[in-house]
Amino acid sequence: MAYATLDDLKLRYGATEIVRNAAEDGQVDGPPDMPRVEGILDAASATIDSYLARRYATPLSPVPTVIVDACCKIARYDLANGGQSTPSEQMRDGKRDAIKWLEGVAAGTTALLDANPIATSSSFAKTADRPALFEPRDRAGLY
């Protein structure tokens, strides 16, 4: 499940840029190569999940806006990185910032609001909630 869509990319970065970078090879402003776009969005989402999985149940649902933004930043860079185009410094910085933010979430220095945290404990339960397999001996040593 991708955390962003082609429409999310267009909304954030403008249809002209996204269509130009998402067009099929050899076309300047043709229709977007949807399998490529979807693959890049899926890969960006998998990258995000790889950072979140230690602290949150993934895939996230509902998807927080900050995750859509991070997915778009990563996907924008990857869309521009191929064919006849090269990512700009702004695109490179956007992806770098998104990854740095995800590292903060993974390290626990940044919280992800409205996401379901998973239990993260290195200790074990000290009580049992099931019956013992053996009954204790009575005073005479008999069972």
Protein backbone atom coordinates (compact mmCIF):
# COMPACT_ATOMS: atom_id res chain seq x y z
CA MET A 1 0.00 0.00 0.00
CA ALA A 2 1.48 3.32 -1.07
CA TYR A 3 1.22 6.22 1.37
CA ALA A 4 0.86 8.76 -1.46
CA THR A 5 -0.67 8.97 -4.91
CA LEU A 6 0.16 10.69 -8.18
CA ASP A 7 -2.38 13.35 -7.23
CA ASP A 8 -0.54 13.96 -3.93
CA LEU A 9 2.67 14.52 -5.87
CA LYS A 10 0.96 16.91 -8.30
CA LEU A 11 -0.65 18.84 -5.43
CA ARG A 12 2.68 19.35 -3.67
CA TYR A 13 5.04 19.94 -6.59
CA GLY A 14 2.83 20.98 -9.49
CA ALA A 15 1.44 18.92 -12.32
CA THR A 16 4.01 20.19 -14.85
CA GLU A 17 7.03 18.90 -12.93
CA ILE A 18 5.48 15.59 -11.98
CA VAL A 19 4.06 14.86 -15.45
CA ARG A 20 7.43 15.71 -17.02
CA ASN A 21 9.30 13.37 -14.66
CA ALA A 22 6.63 10.67 -14.79
CA ALA A 23 6.15 10.65 -18.56
CA GLU A 24 7.06 7.53 -20.48
CA ASP A 25 10.58 7.44 -21.89
CA GLY A 26 11.01 9.59 -24.97
CA GLN A 27 8.03 11.81 -24.20
CA VAL A 28 8.24 15.27 -22.71
CA ASP A 29 4.70 15.83 -21.52
CA GLY A 30 2.96 12.58 -22.32
CA PRO A 31 0.78 10.55 -20.03
CA PRO A 32 2.48 9.33 -16.87
CA ASP A 33 4.08 5.90 -16.87
CA MET A 34 1.74 4.63 -14.14
CA PRO A 35 3.52 1.33 -13.44
CA ARG A 36 6.74 3.29 -12.84
CA VAL A 37 4.98 5.92 -10.68
CA GLU A 38 3.20 3.27 -8.62
CA GLY A 39 6.42 1.30 -8.23
CA ILE A 40 8.27 4.37 -7.01
CA LEU A 41 5.48 5.27 -4.58
CA ASP A 42 5.42 1.66 -3.29
CA ALA A 43 9.21 1.71 -2.85
CA ALA A 44 9.05 5.04 -0.99
CA SER A 45 6.32 3.61 1.26
CA ALA A 46 8.40 0.49 1.94
CA THR A 47 11.33 2.72 2.88
CA ILE A 48 9.09 4.58 5.32
CA ASP A 49 7.81 1.31 6.81
CA SER A 50 11.38 0.10 7.30
CA TYR A 51 11.98 3.07 9.62
CA LEU A 52 8.62 2.87 11.40
CA ALA A 53 8.29 -0.89 11.91
CA ARG A 54 10.23 -1.02 15.19
CA ARG A 55 7.89 1.47 16.86
CA TYR A 56 4.59 1.44 14.98
CA ALA A 57 2.22 -1.07 13.43
CA THR A 58 2.67 -0.82 9.68
CA PRO A 59 1.22 -0.10 7.22
CA LEU A 60 -0.21 2.96 8.92
CA SER A 61 -3.94 3.48 8.73
CA PRO A 62 -5.10 6.19 8.67
CA VAL A 63 -2.05 7.75 7.07
CA PRO A 64 -0.84 10.91 8.83
CA THR A 65 -0.17 13.91 6.58
CA VAL A 66 3.50 13.96 7.59
CA ILE A 67 3.87 10.44 6.17
CA VAL A 68 2.24 11.48 2.88
CA ASP A 69 4.69 14.41 2.76
CA ALA A 70 7.69 12.16 3.44
CA CYS A 71 6.52 9.68 0.80
CA CYS A 72 6.14 12.48 -1.75
CA LYS A 73 9.61 13.87 -1.02
CA ILE A 74 11.23 10.48 -1.48
CA ALA A 75 9.18 9.64 -4.58
CA ARG A 76 9.80 13.06 -6.16
CA TYR A 77 13.54 12.49 -6.00
CA ASP A 78 13.26 8.96 -7.35
CA LEU A 79 10.94 10.04 -10.21
CA ALA A 80 13.47 12.64 -11.32
CA ASN A 81 16.35 10.20 -11.01
CA GLY A 82 16.26 8.33 -14.27
CA GLY A 83 15.87 8.60 -17.98
CA GLN A 84 16.87 12.01 -19.23
CA SER A 85 16.37 13.91 -15.97
CA THR A 86 18.48 14.50 -12.90
CA PRO A 87 17.14 15.46 -9.46
CA SER A 88 17.65 19.07 -8.42
CA GLU A 89 19.40 20.11 -5.22
CA GLN A 90 15.96 20.95 -3.79
CA MET A 91 14.77 17.40 -4.52
CA ARG A 92 17.91 15.91 -2.99
CA ASP A 93 17.49 18.06 0.13
CA GLY A 94 13.82 17.09 0.40
CA LYS A 95 14.63 13.38 0.32
CA ARG A 96 17.50 13.88 2.77
CA ASP A 97 15.21 15.79 5.16
CA ALA A 98 12.53 13.09 4.94
CA ILE A 99 15.03 10.35 5.72
CA LYS A 100 16.49 12.35 8.61
CA TRP A 101 13.00 12.85 10.03
CA LEU A 102 12.28 9.11 9.68
CA GLU A 103 15.53 8.35 11.50
CA GLY A 104 14.29 10.56 14.35
CA VAL A 105 11.00 8.67 14.46
CA ALA A 106 12.84 5.34 14.46
CA ALA A 107 15.14 6.52 17.26
CA GLY A 108 12.22 7.76 19.33
CA THR A 109 13.29 11.41 19.36
CA THR A 110 10.33 12.33 17.17
CA ALA A 111 6.82 11.02 17.78
CA LEU A 112 4.32 10.06 15.14
CA LEU A 113 0.94 11.25 16.34
CA ASP A 114 -2.21 9.24 15.65
CA ALA A 115 -0.25 6.05 14.90
CA ASN A 116 -0.57 2.78 16.78
CA PRO A 117 2.65 2.13 18.70
CA ILE A 118 3.73 -1.45 19.14
CA ALA A 119 4.82 -2.77 22.52
CA THR A 120 8.52 -2.16 22.91
CA SER A 121 9.82 -3.69 26.08
CA SER A 122 12.93 -5.66 26.85
CA SER A 123 11.44 -7.14 30.02
CA PHE A 124 9.27 -10.18 30.32
CA ALA A 125 6.02 -10.67 32.21
CA LYS A 126 6.52 -11.60 35.84
CA THR A 127 3.16 -13.26 36.28
CA ALA A 128 1.49 -16.07 34.42
CA ASP A 129 -2.08 -15.99 33.27
CA ARG A 130 -2.48 -19.72 32.70
CA PRO A 131 -2.72 -22.57 35.23
CA ALA A 132 0.44 -24.34 36.36
CA LEU A 133 1.20 -27.67 34.72
CA PHE A 134 2.12 -29.34 38.01
CA GLU A 135 0.50 -29.07 41.40
CA PRO A 136 2.79 -28.29 44.34
CA ARG A 137 3.63 -31.09 46.76
CA ASP A 138 1.81 -31.31 50.06
CA ARG A 139 3.75 -31.33 53.36
CA ALA A 140 4.23 -35.08 53.29
CA GLY A 141 5.90 -34.89 49.86
CA LEU A 142 2.99 -36.54 48.14
CA TYR A 143 1.25 -35.23 45.10
